[in-house]
Amino acid sequence: MKRSTLPSTAFSGTATLALVARTLTNFLVALKHRREVRHLAEFDDRMLADIGLTRSDVTGALDEPLIRNPSWVLVRSAERHSRAERPDYPAKPVRPVVPMVTSIKRCA
């Protein structure tokens, strides 16, 4: 009888079961999000622009492998579009709401 090259303590039964459960859960969540992204593909371009996406963002998310969550691609795309819309010049300094105390008068 051959013995395994891995030590018997390398993976316990509960750790392996937890890994399988986590992998299955992530896969099911990815499938759910893929179904929601397919629903986004039915939107017209104006509706997608309202939520900060383009048609190519949605198709790119659906081109991801089945086990990968496509919603992360859409989040990164929306962030990239919002950064592109921000102006490059620095913001005007904001006046503080609370007046600044410059000196303290002592009562005698």
PDB file of N, CA and C in Angstrom:
ATOM      1  N   MET A   1       0.838  -1.161   0.000  1.00  0.00           N
ATOM      2  CA  MET A   1       0.000   0.000   0.000  1.00  0.00           C
ATOM      3  C   MET A   1       0.891   1.235   0.000  1.00  0.00           C
ATOM      4  N   LYS A   2       0.584   2.209  -0.901  1.00  0.00           N
ATOM      5  CA  LYS A   2       1.372   3.438  -0.983  1.00  0.00           C
ATOM      6  C   LYS A   2       0.828   4.482  -0.027  1.00  0.00           C
ATOM      7  N   ARG A   3       1.744   5.257   0.494  1.00  0.00           N
ATOM      8  CA  ARG A   3       1.344   6.351   1.353  1.00  0.00           C
ATOM      9  C   ARG A   3       1.355   7.638   0.547  1.00  0.00           C
ATOM     10  N   SER A   4       0.522   8.543   0.912  1.00  0.00           N
ATOM     11  CA  SER A   4       0.445   9.837   0.241  1.00  0.00           C
ATOM     12  C   SER A   4       1.708  10.637   0.536  1.00  0.00           C
ATOM     13  N   THR A   5       2.140  11.434  -0.443  1.00  0.00           N
ATOM     14  CA  THR A   5       3.323  12.260  -0.226  1.00  0.00           C
ATOM     15  C   THR A   5       3.004  13.472   0.635  1.00  0.00           C
ATOM     16  N   LEU A   6       1.712  13.866   0.688  1.00  0.00           N
ATOM     17  CA  LEU A   6       1.322  14.977   1.550  1.00  0.00           C
ATOM     18  C   LEU A   6       1.150  14.474   2.970  1.00  0.00           C
ATOM     19  N   PRO A   7       1.570  15.269   3.932  1.00  0.00           N
ATOM     20  CA  PRO A   7       1.324  14.842   5.312  1.00  0.00           C
ATOM     21  C   PRO A   7      -0.178  14.834   5.598  1.00  0.00           C
ATOM     22  N   SER A   8      -0.568  14.004   6.488  1.00  0.00           N
ATOM     23  CA  SER A   8      -1.991  13.861   6.774  1.00  0.00           C
ATOM     24  C   SER A   8      -2.573  15.118   7.405  1.00  0.00           C
ATOM     25  N   THR A   9      -1.746  15.963   7.974  1.00  0.00           N
ATOM     26  CA  THR A   9      -2.243  17.191   8.594  1.00  0.00           C
ATOM     27  C   THR A   9      -2.274  18.365   7.619  1.00  0.00           C
ATOM     28  N   ALA A  10      -1.926  18.142   6.350  1.00  0.00           N
ATOM     29  CA  ALA A  10      -1.891  19.248   5.389  1.00  0.00           C
ATOM     30  C   ALA A  10      -3.268  19.867   5.208  1.00  0.00           C
ATOM     31  N   PHE A  11      -4.268  19.051   5.037  1.00  0.00           N
ATOM     32  CA  PHE A  11      -5.643  19.533   4.891  1.00  0.00           C
ATOM     33  C   PHE A  11      -6.530  18.717   5.805  1.00  0.00           C
ATOM     34  N   SER A  12      -7.174  19.398   6.708  1.00  0.00           N
ATOM     35  CA  SER A  12      -8.123  18.676   7.533  1.00  0.00           C
ATOM     36  C   SER A  12      -9.444  18.606   6.783  1.00  0.00           C
ATOM     37  N   GLY A  13     -10.303  17.751   7.212  1.00  0.00           N
ATOM     38  CA  GLY A  13     -11.592  17.585   6.556  1.00  0.00           C
ATOM     39  C   GLY A  13     -12.424  18.853   6.589  1.00  0.00           C
ATOM     40  N   THR A  14     -12.411  19.572   7.706  1.00  0.00           N
ATOM     41  CA  THR A  14     -13.221  20.790   7.813  1.00  0.00           C
ATOM     42  C   THR A  14     -12.653  21.919   6.948  1.00  0.00           C
ATOM     43  N   ALA A  15     -11.324  21.994   6.844  1.00  0.00           N
ATOM     44  CA  ALA A  15     -10.722  23.032   6.010  1.00  0.00           C
ATOM     45  C   ALA A  15     -11.030  22.779   4.536  1.00  0.00           C
ATOM     46  N   THR A  16     -10.976  21.530   4.126  1.00  0.00           N
ATOM     47  CA  THR A  16     -11.288  21.185   2.746  1.00  0.00           C
ATOM     48  C   THR A  16     -12.758  21.439   2.456  1.00  0.00           C
ATOM     49  N   LEU A  17     -13.615  21.075   3.382  1.00  0.00           N
ATOM     50  CA  LEU A  17     -15.040  21.307   3.215  1.00  0.00           C
ATOM     51  C   LEU A  17     -15.348  22.802   3.152  1.00  0.00           C
ATOM     52  N   ALA A  18     -14.674  23.592   3.976  1.00  0.00           N
ATOM     53  CA  ALA A  18     -14.873  25.040   3.967  1.00  0.00           C
ATOM     54  C   ALA A  18     -14.409  25.638   2.639  1.00  0.00           C
ATOM     55  N   LEU A  19     -13.306  25.144   2.102  1.00  0.00           N
ATOM     56  CA  LEU A  19     -12.805  25.630   0.821  1.00  0.00           C
ATOM     57  C   LEU A  19     -13.779  25.301  -0.307  1.00  0.00           C
ATOM     58  N   VAL A  20     -14.314  24.088  -0.295  1.00  0.00           N
ATOM     59  CA  VAL A  20     -15.284  23.691  -1.318  1.00  0.00           C
ATOM     60  C   VAL A  20     -16.554  24.535  -1.197  1.00  0.00           C
ATOM     61  N   ALA A  21     -17.007  24.757   0.026  1.00  0.00           N
ATOM     62  CA  ALA A  21     -18.222  25.549   0.235  1.00  0.00           C
ATOM     63  C   ALA A  21     -18.016  26.990  -0.224  1.00  0.00           C
ATOM     64  N   ARG A  22     -16.856  27.565   0.090  1.00  0.00           N
ATOM     65  CA  ARG A  22     -16.566  28.943  -0.315  1.00  0.00           C
ATOM     66  C   ARG A  22     -16.472  29.052  -1.837  1.00  0.00           C
ATOM     67  N   THR A  23     -15.834  28.081  -2.477  1.00  0.00           N
ATOM     68  CA  THR A  23     -15.719  28.079  -3.935  1.00  0.00           C
ATOM     69  C   THR A  23     -17.088  27.961  -4.590  1.00  0.00           C
ATOM     70  N   LEU A  24     -17.920  27.078  -4.076  1.00  0.00           N
ATOM     71  CA  LEU A  24     -19.270  26.909  -4.615  1.00  0.00           C
ATOM     72  C   LEU A  24     -20.104  28.168  -4.410  1.00  0.00           C
ATOM     73  N   THR A  25     -19.984  28.791  -3.252  1.00  0.00           N
ATOM     74  CA  THR A  25     -20.718  30.030  -2.979  1.00  0.00           C
ATOM     75  C   THR A  25     -20.277  31.133  -3.928  1.00  0.00           C
ATOM     76  N   ASN A  26     -18.972  31.277  -4.126  1.00  0.00           N
ATOM     77  CA  ASN A  26     -18.468  32.301  -5.045  1.00  0.00           C
ATOM     78  C   ASN A  26     -18.956  32.045  -6.469  1.00  0.00           C
ATOM     79  N   PHE A  27     -19.001  30.791  -6.881  1.00  0.00           N
ATOM     80  CA  PHE A  27     -19.477  30.446  -8.214  1.00  0.00           C
ATOM     81  C   PHE A  27     -20.958  30.790  -8.378  1.00  0.00           C
ATOM     82  N   LEU A  28     -21.763  30.483  -7.363  1.00  0.00           N
ATOM     83  CA  LEU A  28     -23.195  30.795  -7.428  1.00  0.00           C
ATOM     84  C   LEU A  28     -23.441  32.300  -7.445  1.00  0.00           C
ATOM     85  N   VAL A  29     -22.651  33.053  -6.684  1.00  0.00           N
ATOM     86  CA  VAL A  29     -22.770  34.513  -6.698  1.00  0.00           C
ATOM     87  C   VAL A  29     -22.375  35.055  -8.070  1.00  0.00           C
ATOM     88  N   ALA A  30     -21.327  34.499  -8.661  1.00  0.00           N
ATOM     89  CA  ALA A  30     -20.895  34.937  -9.992  1.00  0.00           C
ATOM     90  C   ALA A  30     -21.979  34.660 -11.029  1.00  0.00           C
ATOM     91  N   LEU A  31     -22.644  33.511 -10.929  1.00  0.00           N
ATOM     92  CA  LEU A  31     -23.738  33.205 -11.854  1.00  0.00           C
ATOM     93  C   LEU A  31     -24.907  34.170 -11.684  1.00  0.00           C
ATOM     94  N   LYS A  32     -25.220  34.502 -10.437  1.00  0.00           N
ATOM     95  CA  LYS A  32     -26.304  35.460 -10.166  1.00  0.00           C
ATOM     96  C   LYS A  32     -25.971  36.824 -10.753  1.00  0.00           C
ATOM     97  N   HIS A  33     -24.741  37.279 -10.531  1.00  0.00           N
ATOM     98  CA  HIS A  33     -24.335  38.583 -11.059  1.00  0.00           C
ATOM     99  C   HIS A  33     -24.278  38.569 -12.584  1.00  0.00           C
ATOM    100  N   ARG A  34     -23.898  37.449 -13.166  1.00  0.00           N
ATOM    101  CA  ARG A  34     -23.867  37.336 -14.625  1.00  0.00           C
ATOM    102  C   ARG A  34     -25.287  37.487 -15.192  1.00  0.00           C
ATOM    103  N   ARG A  35     -26.262  36.913 -14.511  1.00  0.00           N
ATOM    104  CA  ARG A  35     -27.652  37.049 -14.946  1.00  0.00           C
ATOM    105  C   ARG A  35     -28.093  38.513 -14.865  1.00  0.00           C
ATOM    106  N   GLU A  36     -27.660  39.224 -13.819  1.00  0.00           N
ATOM    107  CA  GLU A  36     -28.007  40.638 -13.670  1.00  0.00           C
ATOM    108  C   GLU A  36     -27.306  41.494 -14.729  1.00  0.00           C
ATOM    109  N   VAL A  37     -26.075  41.141 -15.081  1.00  0.00           N
ATOM    110  CA  VAL A  37     -25.357  41.877 -16.127  1.00  0.00           C
ATOM    111  C   VAL A  37     -26.015  41.634 -17.486  1.00  0.00           C
ATOM    112  N   ARG A  38     -26.495  40.417 -17.716  1.00  0.00           N
ATOM    113  CA  ARG A  38     -27.234  40.155 -18.960  1.00  0.00           C
ATOM    114  C   ARG A  38     -28.491  41.009 -19.034  1.00  0.00           C
ATOM    115  N   HIS A  39     -29.103  41.269 -17.881  1.00  0.00           N
ATOM    116  CA  HIS A  39     -30.257  42.170 -17.843  1.00  0.00           C
ATOM    117  C   HIS A  39     -29.823  43.593 -18.204  1.00  0.00           C
ATOM    118  N   LEU A  40     -28.641  44.006 -17.753  1.00  0.00           N
ATOM    119  CA  LEU A  40     -28.110  45.328 -18.126  1.00  0.00           C
ATOM    120  C   LEU A  40     -27.873  45.428 -19.631  1.00  0.00           C
ATOM    121  N   ALA A  41     -27.546  44.320 -20.268  1.00  0.00           N
ATOM    122  CA  ALA A  41     -27.296  44.330 -21.710  1.00  0.00           C
ATOM    123  C   ALA A  41     -28.555  44.677 -22.498  1.00  0.00           C
ATOM    124  N   GLU A  42     -29.715  44.531 -21.888  1.00  0.00           N
ATOM    125  CA  GLU A  42     -30.972  44.887 -22.546  1.00  0.00           C
ATOM    126  C   GLU A  42     -31.245  46.388 -22.501  1.00  0.00           C
ATOM    127  N   PHE A  43     -30.523  47.127 -21.655  1.00  0.00           N
ATOM    128  CA  PHE A  43     -30.715  48.574 -21.563  1.00  0.00           C
ATOM    129  C   PHE A  43     -30.223  49.243 -22.835  1.00  0.00           C
ATOM    130  N   ASP A  44     -30.795  50.404 -23.147  1.00  0.00           N
ATOM    131  CA  ASP A  44     -30.260  51.163 -24.281  1.00  0.00           C
ATOM    132  C   ASP A  44     -29.059  51.987 -23.817  1.00  0.00           C
ATOM    133  N   ASP A  45     -28.345  52.581 -24.768  1.00  0.00           N
ATOM    134  CA  ASP A  45     -27.092  53.278 -24.452  1.00  0.00           C
ATOM    135  C   ASP A  45     -27.303  54.468 -23.512  1.00  0.00           C
ATOM    136  N   ARG A  46     -28.433  55.134 -23.640  1.00  0.00           N
ATOM    137  CA  ARG A  46     -28.713  56.281 -22.768  1.00  0.00           C
ATOM    138  C   ARG A  46     -28.875  55.822 -21.317  1.00  0.00           C
ATOM    139  N   MET A  47     -29.566  54.725 -21.115  1.00  0.00           N
ATOM    140  CA  MET A  47     -29.767  54.202 -19.765  1.00  0.00           C
ATOM    141  C   MET A  47     -28.446  53.732 -19.160  1.00  0.00           C
ATOM    142  N   LEU A  48     -27.613  53.112 -19.983  1.00  0.00           N
ATOM    143  CA  LEU A  48     -26.299  52.695 -19.484  1.00  0.00           C
ATOM    144  C   LEU A  48     -25.445  53.900 -19.128  1.00  0.00           C
ATOM    145  N   ALA A  49     -25.526  54.961 -19.933  1.00  0.00           N
ATOM    146  CA  ALA A  49     -24.749  56.173 -19.645  1.00  0.00           C
ATOM    147  C   ALA A  49     -25.210  56.812 -18.335  1.00  0.00           C
ATOM    148  N   ASP A  50     -26.494  56.686 -18.017  1.00  0.00           N
ATOM    149  CA  ASP A  50     -27.001  57.242 -16.761  1.00  0.00           C
ATOM    150  C   ASP A  50     -26.374  56.579 -15.542  1.00  0.00           C
ATOM    151  N   ILE A  51     -26.005  55.326 -15.669  1.00  0.00           N
ATOM    152  CA  ILE A  51     -25.370  54.645 -14.534  1.00  0.00           C
ATOM    153  C   ILE A  51     -23.852  54.584 -14.687  1.00  0.00           C
ATOM    154  N   GLY A  52     -23.318  55.297 -15.674  1.00  0.00           N
ATOM    155  CA  GLY A  52     -21.869  55.414 -15.819  1.00  0.00           C
ATOM    156  C   GLY A  52     -21.214  54.288 -16.574  1.00  0.00           C
ATOM    157  N   LEU A  53     -21.956  53.596 -17.448  1.00  0.00           N
ATOM    158  CA  LEU A  53     -21.398  52.478 -18.201  1.00  0.00           C
ATOM    159  C   LEU A  53     -21.611  52.682 -19.696  1.00  0.00           C
ATOM    160  N   THR A  54     -20.887  51.922 -20.478  1.00  0.00           N
ATOM    161  CA  THR A  54     -21.079  51.904 -21.926  1.00  0.00           C
ATOM    162  C   THR A  54     -21.443  50.484 -22.340  1.00  0.00           C
ATOM    163  N   ARG A  55     -21.894  50.337 -23.570  1.00  0.00           N
ATOM    164  CA  ARG A  55     -22.250  49.018 -24.091  1.00  0.00           C
ATOM    165  C   ARG A  55     -21.031  48.091 -24.083  1.00  0.00           C
ATOM    166  N   SER A  56     -19.850  48.640 -24.405  1.00  0.00           N
ATOM    167  CA  SER A  56     -18.643  47.802 -24.423  1.00  0.00           C
ATOM    168  C   SER A  56     -18.248  47.350 -23.015  1.00  0.00           C
ATOM    169  N   ASP A  57     -18.573  48.144 -21.998  1.00  0.00           N
ATOM    170  CA  ASP A  57     -18.314  47.707 -20.618  1.00  0.00           C
ATOM    171  C   ASP A  57     -19.120  46.450 -20.292  1.00  0.00           C
ATOM    172  N   VAL A  58     -20.389  46.466 -20.695  1.00  0.00           N
ATOM    173  CA  VAL A  58     -21.265  45.333 -20.393  1.00  0.00           C
ATOM    174  C   VAL A  58     -20.829  44.093 -21.172  1.00  0.00           C
ATOM    175  N   THR A  59     -20.524  44.257 -22.453  1.00  0.00           N
ATOM    176  CA  THR A  59     -20.090  43.089 -23.225  1.00  0.00           C
ATOM    177  C   THR A  59     -18.742  42.575 -22.735  1.00  0.00           C
ATOM    178  N   GLY A  60     -17.863  43.484 -22.312  1.00  0.00           N
ATOM    179  CA  GLY A  60     -16.583  43.054 -21.751  1.00  0.00           C
ATOM    180  C   GLY A  60     -16.760  42.273 -20.461  1.00  0.00           C
ATOM    181  N   ALA A  61     -17.726  42.682 -19.641  1.00  0.00           N
ATOM    182  CA  ALA A  61     -17.993  41.951 -18.398  1.00  0.00           C
ATOM    183  C   ALA A  61     -18.545  40.562 -18.688  1.00  0.00           C
ATOM    184  N   LEU A  62     -19.380  40.455 -19.715  1.00  0.00           N
ATOM    185  CA  LEU A  62     -19.945  39.148 -20.058  1.00  0.00           C
ATOM    186  C   LEU A  62     -18.931  38.246 -20.746  1.00  0.00           C
ATOM    187  N   ASP A  63     -17.840  38.816 -21.260  1.00  0.00           N
ATOM    188  CA  ASP A  63     -16.786  38.017 -21.882  1.00  0.00           C
ATOM    189  C   ASP A  63     -15.847  37.379 -20.858  1.00  0.00           C
ATOM    190  N   GLU A  64     -15.985  37.759 -19.602  1.00  0.00           N
ATOM    191  CA  GLU A  64     -15.147  37.170 -18.549  1.00  0.00           C
ATOM    192  C   GLU A  64     -15.444  35.678 -18.425  1.00  0.00           C
ATOM    193  N   PRO A  65     -14.493  34.897 -17.915  1.00  0.00           N
ATOM    194  CA  PRO A  65     -14.747  33.469 -17.706  1.00  0.00           C
ATOM    195  C   PRO A  65     -15.941  33.246 -16.771  1.00  0.00           C
ATOM    196  N   LEU A  66     -16.565  32.116 -16.909  1.00  0.00           N
ATOM    197  CA  LEU A  66     -17.790  31.820 -16.172  1.00  0.00           C
ATOM    198  C   LEU A  66     -17.589  31.863 -14.659  1.00  0.00           C
ATOM    199  N   ILE A  67     -16.427  31.480 -14.180  1.00  0.00           N
ATOM    200  CA  ILE A  67     -16.210  31.435 -12.734  1.00  0.00           C
ATOM    201  C   ILE A  67     -15.867  32.798 -12.150  1.00  0.00           C
ATOM    202  N   ARG A  68     -15.559  33.787 -12.988  1.00  0.00           N
ATOM    203  CA  ARG A  68     -15.206  35.118 -12.509  1.00  0.00           C
ATOM    204  C   ARG A  68     -16.450  35.989 -12.435  1.00  0.00           C
ATOM    205  N   ASN A  69     -16.549  36.798 -11.397  1.00  0.00           N
ATOM    206  CA  ASN A  69     -17.708  37.650 -11.166  1.00  0.00           C
ATOM    207  C   ASN A  69     -17.659  38.846 -12.121  1.00  0.00           C
ATOM    208  N   PRO A  70     -18.611  38.998 -13.035  1.00  0.00           N
ATOM    209  CA  PRO A  70     -18.558  40.082 -14.017  1.00  0.00           C
ATOM    210  C   PRO A  70     -18.858  41.452 -13.427  1.00  0.00           C
ATOM    211  N   SER A  71     -19.451  41.501 -12.251  1.00  0.00           N
ATOM    212  CA  SER A  71     -19.787  42.799 -11.674  1.00  0.00           C
ATOM    213  C   SER A  71     -18.540  43.594 -11.296  1.00  0.00           C
ATOM    214  N   TRP A  72     -17.441  42.899 -10.978  1.00  0.00           N
ATOM    215  CA  TRP A  72     -16.204  43.614 -10.659  1.00  0.00           C
ATOM    216  C   TRP A  72     -15.672  44.363 -11.873  1.00  0.00           C
ATOM    217  N   VAL A  73     -15.860  43.806 -13.045  1.00  0.00           N
ATOM    218  CA  VAL A  73     -15.432  44.489 -14.272  1.00  0.00           C
ATOM    219  C   VAL A  73     -16.239  45.760 -14.452  1.00  0.00           C
ATOM    220  N   LEU A  74     -17.530  45.695 -14.186  1.00  0.00           N
ATOM    221  CA  LEU A  74     -18.382  46.880 -14.326  1.00  0.00           C
ATOM    222  C   LEU A  74     -18.041  47.945 -13.286  1.00  0.00           C
ATOM    223  N   VAL A  75     -17.709  47.525 -12.085  1.00  0.00           N
ATOM    224  CA  VAL A  75     -17.329  48.491 -11.046  1.00  0.00           C
ATOM    225  C   VAL A  75     -16.065  49.229 -11.467  1.00  0.00           C
ATOM    226  N   ARG A  76     -15.063  48.481 -11.948  1.00  0.00           N
ATOM    227  CA  ARG A  76     -13.816  49.125 -12.393  1.00  0.00           C
ATOM    228  C   ARG A  76     -14.062  50.044 -13.576  1.00  0.00           C
ATOM    229  N   SER A  77     -14.930  49.654 -14.501  1.00  0.00           N
ATOM    230  CA  SER A  77     -15.232  50.487 -15.670  1.00  0.00           C
ATOM    231  C   SER A  77     -15.919  51.781 -15.252  1.00  0.00           C
ATOM    232  N   ALA A  78     -16.892  51.680 -14.355  1.00  0.00           N
ATOM    233  CA  ALA A  78     -17.599  52.878 -13.893  1.00  0.00           C
ATOM    234  C   ALA A  78     -16.651  53.817 -13.157  1.00  0.00           C
ATOM    235  N   GLU A  79     -15.744  53.269 -12.348  1.00  0.00           N
ATOM    236  CA  GLU A  79     -14.761  54.112 -11.657  1.00  0.00           C
ATOM    237  C   GLU A  79     -13.837  54.792 -12.655  1.00  0.00           C
ATOM    238  N   ARG A  80     -13.421  54.064 -13.675  1.00  0.00           N
ATOM    239  CA  ARG A  80     -12.536  54.640 -14.688  1.00  0.00           C
ATOM    240  C   ARG A  80     -13.237  55.778 -15.435  1.00  0.00           C
ATOM    241  N   HIS A  81     -14.514  55.594 -15.767  1.00  0.00           N
ATOM    242  CA  HIS A  81     -15.264  56.646 -16.453  1.00  0.00           C
ATOM    243  C   HIS A  81     -15.452  57.868 -15.559  1.00  0.00           C
ATOM    244  N   SER A  82     -15.699  57.647 -14.277  1.00  0.00           N
ATOM    245  CA  SER A  82     -15.907  58.789 -13.380  1.00  0.00           C
ATOM    246  C   SER A  82     -14.608  59.564 -13.166  1.00  0.00           C
ATOM    247  N   ARG A  83     -13.464  58.855 -13.134  1.00  0.00           N
ATOM    248  CA  ARG A  83     -12.180  59.554 -13.011  1.00  0.00           C
ATOM    249  C   ARG A  83     -11.889  60.369 -14.263  1.00  0.00           C
ATOM    250  N   ALA A  84     -12.299  59.869 -15.421  1.00  0.00           N
ATOM    251  CA  ALA A  84     -12.054  60.577 -16.671  1.00  0.00           C
ATOM    252  C   ALA A  84     -12.892  61.851 -16.768  1.00  0.00           C
ATOM    253  N   GLU A  85     -14.029  61.891 -16.098  1.00  0.00           N
ATOM    254  CA  GLU A  85     -14.896  63.067 -16.154  1.00  0.00           C
ATOM    255  C   GLU A  85     -14.473  64.152 -15.183  1.00  0.00           C
ATOM    256  N   ARG A  86     -13.643  63.821 -14.194  1.00  0.00           N
ATOM    257  CA  ARG A  86     -13.220  64.821 -13.212  1.00  0.00           C
ATOM    258  C   ARG A  86     -12.256  65.814 -13.845  1.00  0.00           C
ATOM    259  N   PRO A  87     -12.366  67.071 -13.472  1.00  0.00           N
ATOM    260  CA  PRO A  87     -11.420  68.059 -14.009  1.00  0.00           C
ATOM    261  C   PRO A  87     -10.024  67.850 -13.429  1.00  0.00           C
ATOM    262  N   ASP A  88      -9.019  68.253 -14.199  1.00  0.00           N
ATOM    263  CA  ASP A  88      -7.633  68.085 -13.758  1.00  0.00           C
ATOM    264  C   ASP A  88      -7.150  69.216 -12.860  1.00  0.00           C
ATOM    265  N   TYR A  89      -7.838  70.355 -12.896  1.00  0.00           N
ATOM    266  CA  TYR A  89      -7.376  71.477 -12.086  1.00  0.00           C
ATOM    267  C   TYR A  89      -7.745  71.247 -10.623  1.00  0.00           C
ATOM    268  N   PRO A  90      -6.931  71.814  -9.696  1.00  0.00           N
ATOM    269  CA  PRO A  90      -7.219  71.598  -8.281  1.00  0.00           C
ATOM    270  C   PRO A  90      -8.477  72.351  -7.856  1.00  0.00           C
ATOM    271  N   ALA A  91      -9.139  71.827  -6.890  1.00  0.00           N
ATOM    272  CA  ALA A  91     -10.362  72.449  -6.397  1.00  0.00           C
ATOM    273  C   ALA A  91     -10.040  73.742  -5.664  1.00  0.00           C
ATOM    274  N   LYS A  92     -10.997  74.660  -5.683  1.00  0.00           N
ATOM    275  CA  LYS A  92     -10.850  75.925  -4.977  1.00  0.00           C
ATOM    276  C   LYS A  92     -10.801  75.650  -3.478  1.00  0.00           C
ATOM    277  N   PRO A  93      -9.956  76.376  -2.741  1.00  0.00           N
ATOM    278  CA  PRO A  93      -9.913  76.134  -1.303  1.00  0.00           C
ATOM    279  C   PRO A  93     -11.283  76.421  -0.681  1.00  0.00           C
ATOM    280  N   VAL A  94     -11.662  75.577   0.236  1.00  0.00           N
ATOM    281  CA  VAL A  94     -12.959  75.709   0.877  1.00  0.00           C
ATOM    282  C   VAL A  94     -12.818  76.526   2.143  1.00  0.00           C
ATOM    283  N   ARG A  95     -13.725  77.474   2.307  1.00  0.00           N
ATOM    284  CA  ARG A  95     -13.721  78.287   3.517  1.00  0.00           C
ATOM    285  C   ARG A  95     -14.229  77.435   4.668  1.00  0.00           C
ATOM    286  N   PRO A  96     -13.548  77.456   5.813  1.00  0.00           N
ATOM    287  CA  PRO A  96     -13.990  76.621   6.923  1.00  0.00           C
ATOM    288  C   PRO A  96     -15.351  77.066   7.448  1.00  0.00           C
ATOM    289  N   VAL A  97     -16.142  76.124   7.885  1.00  0.00           N
ATOM    290  CA  VAL A  97     -17.464  76.426   8.413  1.00  0.00           C
ATOM    291  C   VAL A  97     -17.342  77.049   9.800  1.00  0.00           C
ATOM    292  N   VAL A  98     -16.435  76.528  10.592  1.00  0.00           N
ATOM    293  CA  VAL A  98     -16.217  77.044  11.938  1.00  0.00           C
ATOM    294  C   VAL A  98     -15.148  78.130  11.856  1.00  0.00           C
ATOM    295  N   PRO A  99     -15.405  79.326  12.436  1.00  0.00           N
ATOM    296  CA  PRO A  99     -14.391  80.374  12.374  1.00  0.00           C
ATOM    297  C   PRO A  99     -13.123  79.933  13.105  1.00  0.00           C
ATOM    298  N   MET A 100     -12.002  80.308  12.558  1.00  0.00           N
ATOM    299  CA  MET A 100     -10.733  79.940  13.159  1.00  0.00           C
ATOM    300  C   MET A 100     -10.405  80.932  14.272  1.00  0.00           C
ATOM    301  N   VAL A 101      -9.890  80.428  15.373  1.00  0.00           N
ATOM    302  CA  VAL A 101      -9.487  81.264  16.496  1.00  0.00           C
ATOM    303  C   VAL A 101      -8.042  81.628  16.294  1.00  0.00           C
ATOM    304  N   THR A 102      -7.755  82.930  16.200  1.00  0.00           N
ATOM    305  CA  THR A 102      -6.392  83.358  15.971  1.00  0.00           C
ATOM    306  C   THR A 102      -5.719  83.837  17.248  1.00  0.00           C
ATOM    307  N   SER A 103      -6.497  84.348  18.194  1.00  0.00           N
ATOM    308  CA  SER A 103      -5.892  84.775  19.458  1.00  0.00           C
ATOM    309  C   SER A 103      -6.905  84.578  20.573  1.00  0.00           C
ATOM    310  N   ILE A 104      -6.401  84.435  21.750  1.00  0.00           N
ATOM    311  CA  ILE A 104      -7.262  84.220  22.921  1.00  0.00           C
ATOM    312  C   ILE A 104      -7.140  85.421  23.815  1.00  0.00           C
ATOM    313  N   LYS A 105      -8.255  86.046  24.157  1.00  0.00           N
ATOM    314  CA  LYS A 105      -8.252  87.165  25.104  1.00  0.00           C
ATOM    315  C   LYS A 105      -8.467  86.599  26.484  1.00  0.00           C
ATOM    316  N   ARG A 106      -7.632  87.012  27.391  1.00  0.00           N
ATOM    317  CA  ARG A 106      -7.737  86.535  28.761  1.00  0.00           C
ATOM    318  C   ARG A 106      -8.530  87.549  29.592  1.00  0.00           C
ATOM    319  N   CYS A 107      -9.417  87.036  30.409  1.00  0.00           N
ATOM    320  CA  CYS A 107     -10.182  87.912  31.314  1.00  0.00           C
ATOM    321  C   CYS A 107      -9.380  88.076  32.595  1.00  0.00           C
ATOM    322  N   ALA A 108      -9.293  89.317  33.077  1.00  0.00           N
ATOM    323  CA  ALA A 108      -8.515  89.565  34.282  1.00  0.00           C
ATOM    324  C   ALA A 108      -9.344  89.563  35.497  1.00  0.00           C
TER     325      ALA A 108
END
